[in-house]
Amino acid sequence: MSNILHDLAKQRCKALSGVEHRLSAEVIASGLLTLPDWHVLANELVREFKFDDYYRSIAFVNAVAYVAHAQDHHPELSVHYNRVQVRFSTHDVGGLSLNDFICAAKIDQLFAA
């Protein structure tokens, strides 16, 4: 597995711009092995989180917003009564970057807590 994918949740996002920062299909596949609940759909890293009720869904959204702000890397969110879909991509690289995997790992930790 690629070294850049080691300890994703401990890493910090960096400003990235340009196609040279777009991850290869091989690195994306390795990243998905480290984040088994995520998948790639339409060039985005996607996961759906399920909750008991709306309050917990919104509390999770607020926590995701905090992480996104701290990392300066923001997902697309779809909020429903008892589920939240999180979608990451890096528009400035035209696909998936290391930042997407870093934030996904941080969100996984948040959900596990």
PDB file of N, CA and C in Angstrom:
ATOM      1  N   MET A   1       0.842  -1.174   0.000  1.00  0.00           N
ATOM      2  CA  MET A   1       0.000   0.000   0.000  1.00  0.00           C
ATOM      3  C   MET A   1       0.889   1.239   0.000  1.00  0.00           C
ATOM      4  N   SER A   2       0.437   2.250  -0.669  1.00  0.00           N
ATOM      5  CA  SER A   2       1.205   3.479  -0.809  1.00  0.00           C
ATOM      6  C   SER A   2       1.423   4.151   0.548  1.00  0.00           C
ATOM      7  N   ASN A   3       2.625   4.707   0.762  1.00  0.00           N
ATOM      8  CA  ASN A   3       2.925   5.403   2.014  1.00  0.00           C
ATOM      9  C   ASN A   3       2.012   6.589   2.266  1.00  0.00           C
ATOM     10  N   ILE A   4       1.555   7.270   1.209  1.00  0.00           N
ATOM     11  CA  ILE A   4       0.695   8.431   1.424  1.00  0.00           C
ATOM     12  C   ILE A   4      -0.632   8.055   2.068  1.00  0.00           C
ATOM     13  N   LEU A   5      -0.993   6.796   2.012  1.00  0.00           N
ATOM     14  CA  LEU A   5      -2.253   6.352   2.586  1.00  0.00           C
ATOM     15  C   LEU A   5      -2.100   5.832   4.009  1.00  0.00           C
ATOM     16  N   HIS A   6      -0.909   5.911   4.561  1.00  0.00           N
ATOM     17  CA  HIS A   6      -0.648   5.445   5.918  1.00  0.00           C
ATOM     18  C   HIS A   6      -1.140   6.478   6.926  1.00  0.00           C
ATOM     19  N   ASP A   7      -1.878   6.037   7.923  1.00  0.00           N
ATOM     20  CA  ASP A   7      -2.384   6.918   8.981  1.00  0.00           C
ATOM     21  C   ASP A   7      -3.089   8.145   8.431  1.00  0.00           C
ATOM     22  N   LEU A   8      -4.042   7.928   7.560  1.00  0.00           N
ATOM     23  CA  LEU A   8      -4.754   9.032   6.912  1.00  0.00           C
ATOM     24  C   LEU A   8      -5.356  10.015   7.910  1.00  0.00           C
ATOM     25  N   ALA A   9      -5.986   9.501   8.952  1.00  0.00           N
ATOM     26  CA  ALA A   9      -6.677  10.376   9.895  1.00  0.00           C
ATOM     27  C   ALA A   9      -5.728  11.288  10.667  1.00  0.00           C
ATOM     28  N   LYS A  10      -4.449  10.945  10.701  1.00  0.00           N
ATOM     29  CA  LYS A  10      -3.470  11.781  11.406  1.00  0.00           C
ATOM     30  C   LYS A  10      -2.885  12.878  10.517  1.00  0.00           C
ATOM     31  N   GLN A  11      -3.154  12.791   9.224  1.00  0.00           N
ATOM     32  CA  GLN A  11      -2.610  13.780   8.297  1.00  0.00           C
ATOM     33  C   GLN A  11      -3.504  15.012   8.238  1.00  0.00           C
ATOM     34  N   ARG A  12      -2.948  16.092   7.678  1.00  0.00           N
ATOM     35  CA  ARG A  12      -3.697  17.332   7.476  1.00  0.00           C
ATOM     36  C   ARG A  12      -3.801  17.604   5.986  1.00  0.00           C
ATOM     37  N   CYS A  13      -4.917  18.165   5.590  1.00  0.00           N
ATOM     38  CA  CYS A  13      -5.097  18.548   4.191  1.00  0.00           C
ATOM     39  C   CYS A  13      -4.191  19.731   3.852  1.00  0.00           C
ATOM     40  N   LYS A  14      -3.754  19.749   2.594  1.00  0.00           N
ATOM     41  CA  LYS A  14      -2.927  20.834   2.072  1.00  0.00           C
ATOM     42  C   LYS A  14      -3.617  21.389   0.839  1.00  0.00           C
ATOM     43  N   ALA A  15      -3.376  22.651   0.564  1.00  0.00           N
ATOM     44  CA  ALA A  15      -3.930  23.255  -0.647  1.00  0.00           C
ATOM     45  C   ALA A  15      -3.337  22.548  -1.866  1.00  0.00           C
ATOM     46  N   LEU A  16      -4.197  22.032  -2.719  1.00  0.00           N
ATOM     47  CA  LEU A  16      -3.765  21.310  -3.913  1.00  0.00           C
ATOM     48  C   LEU A  16      -4.454  21.907  -5.134  1.00  0.00           C
ATOM     49  N   SER A  17      -3.704  22.065  -6.189  1.00  0.00           N
ATOM     50  CA  SER A  17      -4.265  22.562  -7.437  1.00  0.00           C
ATOM     51  C   SER A  17      -3.479  21.960  -8.591  1.00  0.00           C
ATOM     52  N   GLY A  18      -4.185  21.483  -9.594  1.00  0.00           N
ATOM     53  CA  GLY A  18      -3.531  20.914 -10.767  1.00  0.00           C
ATOM     54  C   GLY A  18      -3.673  19.405 -10.824  1.00  0.00           C
ATOM     55  N   VAL A  19      -3.681  18.912 -12.049  1.00  0.00           N
ATOM     56  CA  VAL A  19      -3.907  17.482 -12.272  1.00  0.00           C
ATOM     57  C   VAL A  19      -2.799  16.602 -11.709  1.00  0.00           C
ATOM     58  N   GLU A  20      -1.638  17.178 -11.452  1.00  0.00           N
ATOM     59  CA  GLU A  20      -0.543  16.370 -10.890  1.00  0.00           C
ATOM     60  C   GLU A  20      -0.873  15.853  -9.490  1.00  0.00           C
ATOM     61  N   HIS A  21      -1.880  16.446  -8.846  1.00  0.00           N
ATOM     62  CA  HIS A  21      -2.296  16.001  -7.507  1.00  0.00           C
ATOM     63  C   HIS A  21      -3.462  15.019  -7.558  1.00  0.00           C
ATOM     64  N   ARG A  22      -3.979  14.740  -8.743  1.00  0.00           N
ATOM     65  CA  ARG A  22      -5.066  13.776  -8.894  1.00  0.00           C
ATOM     66  C   ARG A  22      -4.506  12.382  -8.648  1.00  0.00           C
ATOM     67  N   LEU A  23      -5.195  11.601  -7.842  1.00  0.00           N
ATOM     68  CA  LEU A  23      -4.732  10.254  -7.528  1.00  0.00           C
ATOM     69  C   LEU A  23      -4.972   9.311  -8.692  1.00  0.00           C
ATOM     70  N   SER A  24      -4.046   8.373  -8.864  1.00  0.00           N
ATOM     71  CA  SER A  24      -4.186   7.352  -9.894  1.00  0.00           C
ATOM     72  C   SER A  24      -5.235   6.328  -9.460  1.00  0.00           C
ATOM     73  N   ALA A  25      -5.724   5.563 -10.408  1.00  0.00           N
ATOM     74  CA  ALA A  25      -6.696   4.508 -10.112  1.00  0.00           C
ATOM     75  C   ALA A  25      -6.117   3.507  -9.118  1.00  0.00           C
ATOM     76  N   GLU A  26      -4.833   3.229  -9.214  1.00  0.00           N
ATOM     77  CA  GLU A  26      -4.183   2.284  -8.297  1.00  0.00           C
ATOM     78  C   GLU A  26      -4.176   2.810  -6.865  1.00  0.00           C
ATOM     79  N   VAL A  27      -3.835   4.073  -6.697  1.00  0.00           N
ATOM     80  CA  VAL A  27      -3.812   4.666  -5.353  1.00  0.00           C
ATOM     81  C   VAL A  27      -5.232   4.759  -4.793  1.00  0.00           C
ATOM     82  N   ILE A  28      -6.194   5.105  -5.638  1.00  0.00           N
ATOM     83  CA  ILE A  28      -7.594   5.153  -5.192  1.00  0.00           C
ATOM     84  C   ILE A  28      -8.045   3.776  -4.717  1.00  0.00           C
ATOM     85  N   ALA A  29      -7.712   2.740  -5.468  1.00  0.00           N
ATOM     86  CA  ALA A  29      -8.078   1.372  -5.069  1.00  0.00           C
ATOM     87  C   ALA A  29      -7.453   1.018  -3.728  1.00  0.00           C
ATOM     88  N   SER A  30      -6.192   1.391  -3.507  1.00  0.00           N
ATOM     89  CA  SER A  30      -5.534   1.146  -2.219  1.00  0.00           C
ATOM     90  C   SER A  30      -6.215   1.934  -1.109  1.00  0.00           C
ATOM     91  N   GLY A  31      -6.581   3.159  -1.409  1.00  0.00           N
ATOM     92  CA  GLY A  31      -7.267   3.990  -0.420  1.00  0.00           C
ATOM     93  C   GLY A  31      -8.593   3.409  -0.012  1.00  0.00           C
ATOM     94  N   LEU A  32      -9.306   2.831  -0.959  1.00  0.00           N
ATOM     95  CA  LEU A  32     -10.591   2.216  -0.640  1.00  0.00           C
ATOM     96  C   LEU A  32     -10.425   0.989   0.254  1.00  0.00           C
ATOM     97  N   LEU A  33      -9.280   0.338   0.180  1.00  0.00           N
ATOM     98  CA  LEU A  33      -9.008  -0.777   1.094  1.00  0.00           C
ATOM     99  C   LEU A  33      -8.861  -0.282   2.529  1.00  0.00           C
ATOM    100  N   THR A  34      -8.358   0.935   2.698  1.00  0.00           N
ATOM    101  CA  THR A  34      -8.200   1.488   4.048  1.00  0.00           C
ATOM    102  C   THR A  34      -9.495   2.113   4.556  1.00  0.00           C
ATOM    103  N   LEU A  35     -10.427   2.387   3.640  1.00  0.00           N
ATOM    104  CA  LEU A  35     -11.724   2.984   3.987  1.00  0.00           C
ATOM    105  C   LEU A  35     -12.834   2.119   3.389  1.00  0.00           C
ATOM    106  N   PRO A  36     -13.061   0.930   3.946  1.00  0.00           N
ATOM    107  CA  PRO A  36     -13.941  -0.048   3.298  1.00  0.00           C
ATOM    108  C   PRO A  36     -15.407   0.368   3.187  1.00  0.00           C
ATOM    109  N   ASP A  37     -15.857   1.337   3.968  1.00  0.00           N
ATOM    110  CA  ASP A  37     -17.259   1.753   3.898  1.00  0.00           C
ATOM    111  C   ASP A  37     -17.503   2.830   2.847  1.00  0.00           C
ATOM    112  N   TRP A  38     -16.446   3.284   2.205  1.00  0.00           N
ATOM    113  CA  TRP A  38     -16.544   4.312   1.167  1.00  0.00           C
ATOM    114  C   TRP A  38     -16.464   3.656  -0.206  1.00  0.00           C
ATOM    115  N   HIS A  39     -16.994   4.342  -1.207  1.00  0.00           N
ATOM    116  CA  HIS A  39     -16.872   3.891  -2.583  1.00  0.00           C
ATOM    117  C   HIS A  39     -16.733   5.104  -3.499  1.00  0.00           C
ATOM    118  N   VAL A  40     -16.324   4.858  -4.713  1.00  0.00           N
ATOM    119  CA  VAL A  40     -16.199   5.923  -5.694  1.00  0.00           C
ATOM    120  C   VAL A  40     -17.400   5.860  -6.622  1.00  0.00           C
ATOM    121  N   LEU A  41     -18.047   7.008  -6.771  1.00  0.00           N
ATOM    122  CA  LEU A  41     -19.204   7.134  -7.641  1.00  0.00           C
ATOM    123  C   LEU A  41     -19.097   8.466  -8.358  1.00  0.00           C
ATOM    124  N   ALA A  42     -19.091   8.426  -9.666  1.00  0.00           N
ATOM    125  CA  ALA A  42     -19.012   9.652 -10.486  1.00  0.00           C
ATOM    126  C   ALA A  42     -17.832  10.532 -10.066  1.00  0.00           C
ATOM    127  N   ASN A  43     -16.679   9.904  -9.873  1.00  0.00           N
ATOM    128  CA  ASN A  43     -15.441  10.607  -9.534  1.00  0.00           C
ATOM    129  C   ASN A  43     -15.486  11.310  -8.172  1.00  0.00           C
ATOM    130  N   GLU A  44     -16.319  10.787  -7.276  1.00  0.00           N
ATOM    131  CA  GLU A  44     -16.401  11.294  -5.912  1.00  0.00           C
ATOM    132  C   GLU A  44     -16.241  10.132  -4.936  1.00  0.00           C
ATOM    133  N   LEU A  45     -15.679  10.431  -3.775  1.00  0.00           N
ATOM    134  CA  LEU A  45     -15.562   9.476  -2.684  1.00  0.00           C
ATOM    135  C   LEU A  45     -16.827   9.626  -1.847  1.00  0.00           C
ATOM    136  N   VAL A  46     -17.606   8.542  -1.707  1.00  0.00           N
ATOM    137  CA  VAL A  46     -18.959   8.636  -1.157  1.00  0.00           C
ATOM    138  C   VAL A  46     -19.157   7.627  -0.029  1.00  0.00           C
ATOM    139  N   ARG A  47     -19.867   8.081   1.004  1.00  0.00           N
ATOM    140  CA  ARG A  47     -20.323   7.171   2.070  1.00  0.00           C
ATOM    141  C   ARG A  47     -21.632   7.696   2.633  1.00  0.00           C
ATOM    142  N   GLU A  48     -22.510   6.773   2.979  1.00  0.00           N
ATOM    143  CA  GLU A  48     -23.758   7.134   3.648  1.00  0.00           C
ATOM    144  C   GLU A  48     -23.690   6.670   5.099  1.00  0.00           C
ATOM    145  N   PHE A  49     -24.066   7.575   5.997  1.00  0.00           N
ATOM    146  CA  PHE A  49     -24.067   7.310   7.432  1.00  0.00           C
ATOM    147  C   PHE A  49     -25.523   7.277   7.894  1.00  0.00           C
ATOM    148  N   LYS A  50     -25.858   6.280   8.722  1.00  0.00           N
ATOM    149  CA  LYS A  50     -27.237   6.130   9.191  1.00  0.00           C
ATOM    150  C   LYS A  50     -27.326   6.421  10.689  1.00  0.00           C
ATOM    151  N   PHE A  51     -28.459   7.030  11.072  1.00  0.00           N
ATOM    152  CA  PHE A  51     -28.683   7.454  12.447  1.00  0.00           C
ATOM    153  C   PHE A  51     -30.087   7.059  12.894  1.00  0.00           C
ATOM    154  N   ASP A  52     -30.333   7.188  14.192  1.00  0.00           N
ATOM    155  CA  ASP A  52     -31.637   6.837  14.736  1.00  0.00           C
ATOM    156  C   ASP A  52     -32.695   7.897  14.466  1.00  0.00           C
ATOM    157  N   ASP A  53     -32.262   9.143  14.315  1.00  0.00           N
ATOM    158  CA  ASP A  53     -33.242  10.215  14.165  1.00  0.00           C
ATOM    159  C   ASP A  53     -32.597  11.453  13.551  1.00  0.00           C
ATOM    160  N   TYR A  54     -33.406  12.454  13.333  1.00  0.00           N
ATOM    161  CA  TYR A  54     -32.968  13.691  12.694  1.00  0.00           C
ATOM    162  C   TYR A  54     -31.951  14.438  13.552  1.00  0.00           C
ATOM    163  N   TYR A  55     -32.185  14.478  14.851  1.00  0.00           N
ATOM    164  CA  TYR A  55     -31.270  15.187  15.752  1.00  0.00           C
ATOM    165  C   TYR A  55     -29.843  14.656  15.613  1.00  0.00           C
ATOM    166  N   ARG A  56     -29.688  13.343  15.613  1.00  0.00           N
ATOM    167  CA  ARG A  56     -28.352  12.746  15.485  1.00  0.00           C
ATOM    168  C   ARG A  56     -27.763  13.001  14.097  1.00  0.00           C
ATOM    169  N   SER A  57     -28.602  13.000  13.080  1.00  0.00           N
ATOM    170  CA  SER A  57     -28.120  13.326  11.732  1.00  0.00           C
ATOM    171  C   SER A  57     -27.558  14.736  11.690  1.00  0.00           C
ATOM    172  N   ILE A  58     -28.282  15.671  12.260  1.00  0.00           N
ATOM    173  CA  ILE A  58     -27.838  17.069  12.245  1.00  0.00           C
ATOM    174  C   ILE A  58     -26.612  17.269  13.134  1.00  0.00           C
ATOM    175  N   ALA A  59     -26.557  16.593  14.253  1.00  0.00           N
ATOM    176  CA  ALA A  59     -25.368  16.680  15.117  1.00  0.00           C
ATOM    177  C   ALA A  59     -24.137  16.191  14.352  1.00  0.00           C
ATOM    178  N   PHE A  60     -24.286  15.121  13.589  1.00  0.00           N
ATOM    179  CA  PHE A  60     -23.193  14.598  12.780  1.00  0.00           C
ATOM    180  C   PHE A  60     -22.791  15.612  11.704  1.00  0.00           C
ATOM    181  N   VAL A  61     -23.771  16.204  11.045  1.00  0.00           N
ATOM    182  CA  VAL A  61     -23.482  17.219  10.028  1.00  0.00           C
ATOM    183  C   VAL A  61     -22.679  18.362  10.630  1.00  0.00           C
ATOM    184  N   ASN A  62     -23.053  18.808  11.802  1.00  0.00           N
ATOM    185  CA  ASN A  62     -22.312  19.890  12.459  1.00  0.00           C
ATOM    186  C   ASN A  62     -20.880  19.471  12.779  1.00  0.00           C
ATOM    187  N   ALA A  63     -20.697  18.238  13.202  1.00  0.00           N
ATOM    188  CA  ALA A  63     -19.346  17.746  13.487  1.00  0.00           C
ATOM    189  C   ALA A  63     -18.533  17.630  12.201  1.00  0.00           C
ATOM    190  N   VAL A  64     -19.155  17.169  11.116  1.00  0.00           N
ATOM    191  CA  VAL A  64     -18.477  17.106   9.820  1.00  0.00           C
ATOM    192  C   VAL A  64     -18.078  18.510   9.379  1.00  0.00           C
ATOM    193  N   ALA A  65     -18.960  19.478   9.573  1.00  0.00           N
ATOM    194  CA  ALA A  65     -18.657  20.863   9.202  1.00  0.00           C
ATOM    195  C   ALA A  65     -17.445  21.382   9.972  1.00  0.00           C
ATOM    196  N   TYR A  66     -17.335  21.018  11.228  1.00  0.00           N
ATOM    197  CA  TYR A  66     -16.188  21.433  12.036  1.00  0.00           C
ATOM    198  C   TYR A  66     -14.889  20.857  11.464  1.00  0.00           C
ATOM    199  N   VAL A  67     -14.902  19.567  11.158  1.00  0.00           N
ATOM    200  CA  VAL A  67     -13.718  18.915  10.583  1.00  0.00           C
ATOM    201  C   VAL A  67     -13.383  19.548   9.231  1.00  0.00           C
ATOM    202  N   ALA A  68     -14.389  19.745   8.396  1.00  0.00           N
ATOM    203  CA  ALA A  68     -14.170  20.322   7.065  1.00  0.00           C
ATOM    204  C   ALA A  68     -13.562  21.721   7.178  1.00  0.00           C
ATOM    205  N   HIS A  69     -14.064  22.503   8.102  1.00  0.00           N
ATOM    206  CA  HIS A  69     -13.523  23.850   8.290  1.00  0.00           C
ATOM    207  C   HIS A  69     -12.074  23.789   8.771  1.00  0.00           C
ATOM    208  N   ALA A  70     -11.800  22.923   9.715  1.00  0.00           N
ATOM    209  CA  ALA A  70     -10.438  22.791  10.249  1.00  0.00           C
ATOM    210  C   ALA A  70      -9.454  22.333   9.178  1.00  0.00           C
ATOM    211  N   GLN A  71      -9.913  21.493   8.249  1.00  0.00           N
ATOM    212  CA  GLN A  71      -9.058  20.964   7.189  1.00  0.00           C
ATOM    213  C   GLN A  71      -9.096  21.832   5.927  1.00  0.00           C
ATOM    214  N   ASP A  72     -10.014  22.774   5.874  1.00  0.00           N
ATOM    215  CA  ASP A  72     -10.245  23.615   4.698  1.00  0.00           C
ATOM    216  C   ASP A  72     -10.467  22.748   3.454  1.00  0.00           C
ATOM    217  N   HIS A  73     -11.267  21.700   3.661  1.00  0.00           N
ATOM    218  CA  HIS A  73     -11.633  20.799   2.563  1.00  0.00           C
ATOM    219  C   HIS A  73     -13.070  20.364   2.824  1.00  0.00           C
ATOM    220  N   HIS A  74     -13.970  20.766   1.967  1.00  0.00           N
ATOM    221  CA  HIS A  74     -15.391  20.683   2.258  1.00  0.00           C
ATOM    222  C   HIS A  74     -16.118  19.679   1.371  1.00  0.00           C
ATOM    223  N   PRO A  75     -16.903  18.802   1.991  1.00  0.00           N
ATOM    224  CA  PRO A  75     -17.660  17.805   1.218  1.00  0.00           C
ATOM    225  C   PRO A  75     -18.998  18.361   0.750  1.00  0.00           C
ATOM    226  N   GLU A  76     -19.610  17.639  -0.138  1.00  0.00           N
ATOM    227  CA  GLU A  76     -21.022  17.832  -0.473  1.00  0.00           C
ATOM    228  C   GLU A  76     -21.784  16.948   0.502  1.00  0.00           C
ATOM    229  N   LEU A  77     -22.836  17.483   1.089  1.00  0.00           N
ATOM    230  CA  LEU A  77     -23.631  16.727   2.051  1.00  0.00           C
ATOM    231  C   LEU A  77     -25.072  16.636   1.588  1.00  0.00           C
ATOM    232  N   SER A  78     -25.659  15.463   1.737  1.00  0.00           N
ATOM    233  CA  SER A  78     -27.086  15.269   1.520  1.00  0.00           C
ATOM    234  C   SER A  78     -27.651  14.820   2.862  1.00  0.00           C
ATOM    235  N   VAL A  79     -28.536  15.628   3.415  1.00  0.00           N
ATOM    236  CA  VAL A  79     -29.054  15.388   4.758  1.00  0.00           C
ATOM    237  C   VAL A  79     -30.501  14.940   4.674  1.00  0.00           C
ATOM    238  N   HIS A  80     -30.802  13.831   5.343  1.00  0.00           N
ATOM    239  CA  HIS A  80     -32.146  13.276   5.394  1.00  0.00           C
ATOM    240  C   HIS A  80     -32.495  13.028   6.858  1.00  0.00           C
ATOM    241  N   TYR A  81     -33.692  12.587   7.110  1.00  0.00           N
ATOM    242  CA  TYR A  81     -34.142  12.404   8.491  1.00  0.00           C
ATOM    243  C   TYR A  81     -33.172  11.566   9.318  1.00  0.00           C
ATOM    244  N   ASN A  82     -32.797  10.399   8.809  1.00  0.00           N
ATOM    245  CA  ASN A  82     -31.960   9.503   9.612  1.00  0.00           C
ATOM    246  C   ASN A  82     -30.708   9.035   8.866  1.00  0.00           C
ATOM    247  N   ARG A  83     -30.281   9.813   7.882  1.00  0.00           N
ATOM    248  CA  ARG A  83     -29.059   9.455   7.162  1.00  0.00           C
ATOM    249  C   ARG A  83     -28.430  10.705   6.562  1.00  0.00           C
ATOM    250  N   VAL A  84     -27.131  10.602   6.385  1.00  0.00           N
ATOM    251  CA  VAL A  84     -26.358  11.690   5.787  1.00  0.00           C
ATOM    252  C   VAL A  84     -25.406  11.066   4.777  1.00  0.00           C
ATOM    253  N   GLN A  85     -25.434  11.572   3.573  1.00  0.00           N
ATOM    254  CA  GLN A  85     -24.478  11.130   2.564  1.00  0.00           C
ATOM    255  C   GLN A  85     -23.387  12.196   2.457  1.00  0.00           C
ATOM    256  N   VAL A  86     -22.136  11.735   2.498  1.00  0.00           N
ATOM    257  CA  VAL A  86     -20.974  12.614   2.406  1.00  0.00           C
ATOM    258  C   VAL A  86     -20.244  12.276   1.115  1.00  0.00           C
ATOM    259  N   ARG A  87     -19.941  13.316   0.330  1.00  0.00           N
ATOM    260  CA  ARG A  87     -19.244  13.128  -0.948  1.00  0.00           C
ATOM    261  C   ARG A  87     -18.058  14.083  -1.020  1.00  0.00           C
ATOM    262  N   PHE A  88     -16.886  13.513  -1.240  1.00  0.00           N
ATOM    263  CA  PHE A  88     -15.665  14.304  -1.374  1.00  0.00           C
ATOM    264  C   PHE A  88     -15.120  14.201  -2.789  1.00  0.00           C
ATOM    265  N   SER A  89     -14.616  15.299  -3.288  1.00  0.00           N
ATOM    266  CA  SER A  89     -13.777  15.344  -4.481  1.00  0.00           C
ATOM    267  C   SER A  89     -12.994  16.646  -4.399  1.00  0.00           C
ATOM    268  N   THR A  90     -11.944  16.732  -5.159  1.00  0.00           N
ATOM    269  CA  THR A  90     -11.119  17.945  -5.140  1.00  0.00           C
ATOM    270  C   THR A  90     -11.250  18.608  -6.506  1.00  0.00           C
ATOM    271  N   HIS A  91     -12.090  19.610  -6.563  1.00  0.00           N
ATOM    272  CA  HIS A  91     -12.383  20.265  -7.835  1.00  0.00           C
ATOM    273  C   HIS A  91     -11.129  20.864  -8.475  1.00  0.00           C
ATOM    274  N   ASP A  92     -10.209  21.359  -7.652  1.00  0.00           N
ATOM    275  CA  ASP A  92      -8.998  22.004  -8.180  1.00  0.00           C
ATOM    276  C   ASP A  92      -8.012  21.030  -8.811  1.00  0.00           C
ATOM    277  N   VAL A  93      -8.230  19.722  -8.642  1.00  0.00           N
ATOM    278  CA  VAL A  93      -7.375  18.737  -9.320  1.00  0.00           C
ATOM    279  C   VAL A  93      -8.165  17.938 -10.354  1.00  0.00           C
ATOM    280  N   GLY A  94      -9.457  18.173 -10.404  1.00  0.00           N
ATOM    281  CA  GLY A  94     -10.284  17.477 -11.384  1.00  0.00           C
ATOM    282  C   GLY A  94     -10.522  16.022 -11.064  1.00  0.00           C
ATOM    283  N   GLY A  95     -10.587  15.686  -9.800  1.00  0.00           N
ATOM    284  CA  GLY A  95     -10.822  14.300  -9.397  1.00  0.00           C
ATOM    285  C   GLY A  95     -10.567  14.109  -7.924  1.00  0.00           C
ATOM    286  N   LEU A  96     -10.108  12.934  -7.573  1.00  0.00           N
ATOM    287  CA  LEU A  96      -9.830  12.634  -6.172  1.00  0.00           C
ATOM    288  C   LEU A  96      -8.374  12.926  -5.844  1.00  0.00           C
ATOM    289  N   SER A  97      -8.178  13.489  -4.651  1.00  0.00           N
ATOM    290  CA  SER A  97      -6.834  13.794  -4.161  1.00  0.00           C
ATOM    291  C   SER A  97      -6.652  13.162  -2.788  1.00  0.00           C
ATOM    292  N   LEU A  98      -5.445  13.270  -2.292  1.00  0.00           N
ATOM    293  CA  LEU A  98      -5.158  12.773  -0.948  1.00  0.00           C
ATOM    294  C   LEU A  98      -6.068  13.447   0.079  1.00  0.00           C
ATOM    295  N   ASN A  99      -6.399  14.723  -0.110  1.00  0.00           N
ATOM    296  CA  ASN A  99      -7.272  15.436   0.829  1.00  0.00           C
ATOM    297  C   ASN A  99      -8.609  14.735   1.014  1.00  0.00           C
ATOM    298  N   ASP A 100      -9.151  14.174  -0.049  1.00  0.00           N
ATOM    299  CA  ASP A 100     -10.428  13.481   0.047  1.00  0.00           C
ATOM    300  C   ASP A 100     -10.338  12.270   0.974  1.00  0.00           C
ATOM    301  N   PHE A 101      -9.252  11.529   0.856  1.00  0.00           N
ATOM    302  CA  PHE A 101      -9.061  10.348   1.696  1.00  0.00           C
ATOM    303  C   PHE A 101      -8.736  10.729   3.143  1.00  0.00           C
ATOM    304  N   ILE A 102      -7.984  11.796   3.335  1.00  0.00           N
ATOM    305  CA  ILE A 102      -7.697  12.275   4.686  1.00  0.00           C
ATOM    306  C   ILE A 102      -9.001  12.643   5.393  1.00  0.00           C
ATOM    307  N   CYS A 103      -9.826  13.433   4.730  1.00  0.00           N
ATOM    308  CA  CYS A 103     -11.083  13.851   5.357  1.00  0.00           C
ATOM    309  C   CYS A 103     -12.032  12.681   5.568  1.00  0.00           C
ATOM    310  N   ALA A 104     -12.077  11.765   4.626  1.00  0.00           N
ATOM    311  CA  ALA A 104     -12.937  10.585   4.795  1.00  0.00           C
ATOM    312  C   ALA A 104     -12.506   9.793   6.028  1.00  0.00           C
ATOM    313  N   ALA A 105     -11.203   9.632   6.232  1.00  0.00           N
ATOM    314  CA  ALA A 105     -10.703   8.903   7.405  1.00  0.00           C
ATOM    315  C   ALA A 105     -11.063   9.638   8.685  1.00  0.00           C
ATOM    316  N   LYS A 106     -10.969  10.962   8.667  1.00  0.00           N
ATOM    317  CA  LYS A 106     -11.329  11.749   9.856  1.00  0.00           C
ATOM    318  C   LYS A 106     -12.815  11.631  10.140  1.00  0.00           C
ATOM    319  N   ILE A 107     -13.639  11.616   9.102  1.00  0.00           N
ATOM    320  CA  ILE A 107     -15.082  11.471   9.277  1.00  0.00           C
ATOM    321  C   ILE A 107     -15.417  10.075   9.801  1.00  0.00           C
ATOM    322  N   ASP A 108     -14.711   9.058   9.342  1.00  0.00           N
ATOM    323  CA  ASP A 108     -14.905   7.703   9.876  1.00  0.00           C
ATOM    324  C   ASP A 108     -14.616   7.668  11.373  1.00  0.00           C
ATOM    325  N   GLN A 109     -13.529   8.304  11.784  1.00  0.00           N
ATOM    326  CA  GLN A 109     -13.198   8.363  13.221  1.00  0.00           C
ATOM    327  C   GLN A 109     -14.294   9.075  14.001  1.00  0.00           C
ATOM    328  N   LEU A 110     -14.786  10.148  13.444  1.00  0.00           N
ATOM    329  CA  LEU A 110     -15.852  10.913  14.086  1.00  0.00           C
ATOM    330  C   LEU A 110     -17.092  10.045  14.269  1.00  0.00           C
ATOM    331  N   PHE A 111     -17.470   9.323  13.239  1.00  0.00           N
ATOM    332  CA  PHE A 111     -18.637   8.460  13.290  1.00  0.00           C
ATOM    333  C   PHE A 111     -18.450   7.333  14.298  1.00  0.00           C
ATOM    334  N   ALA A 112     -17.260   6.789  14.373  1.00  0.00           N
ATOM    335  CA  ALA A 112     -16.981   5.694  15.310  1.00  0.00           C
ATOM    336  C   ALA A 112     -17.061   6.151  16.764  1.00  0.00           C
ATOM    337  N   ALA A 113     -16.778   7.431  16.984  1.00  0.00           N
ATOM    338  CA  ALA A 113     -16.820   7.969  18.362  1.00  0.00           C
ATOM    339  C   ALA A 113     -18.251   8.156  18.743  1.00  0.00           C
TER     340      ALA A 113
END
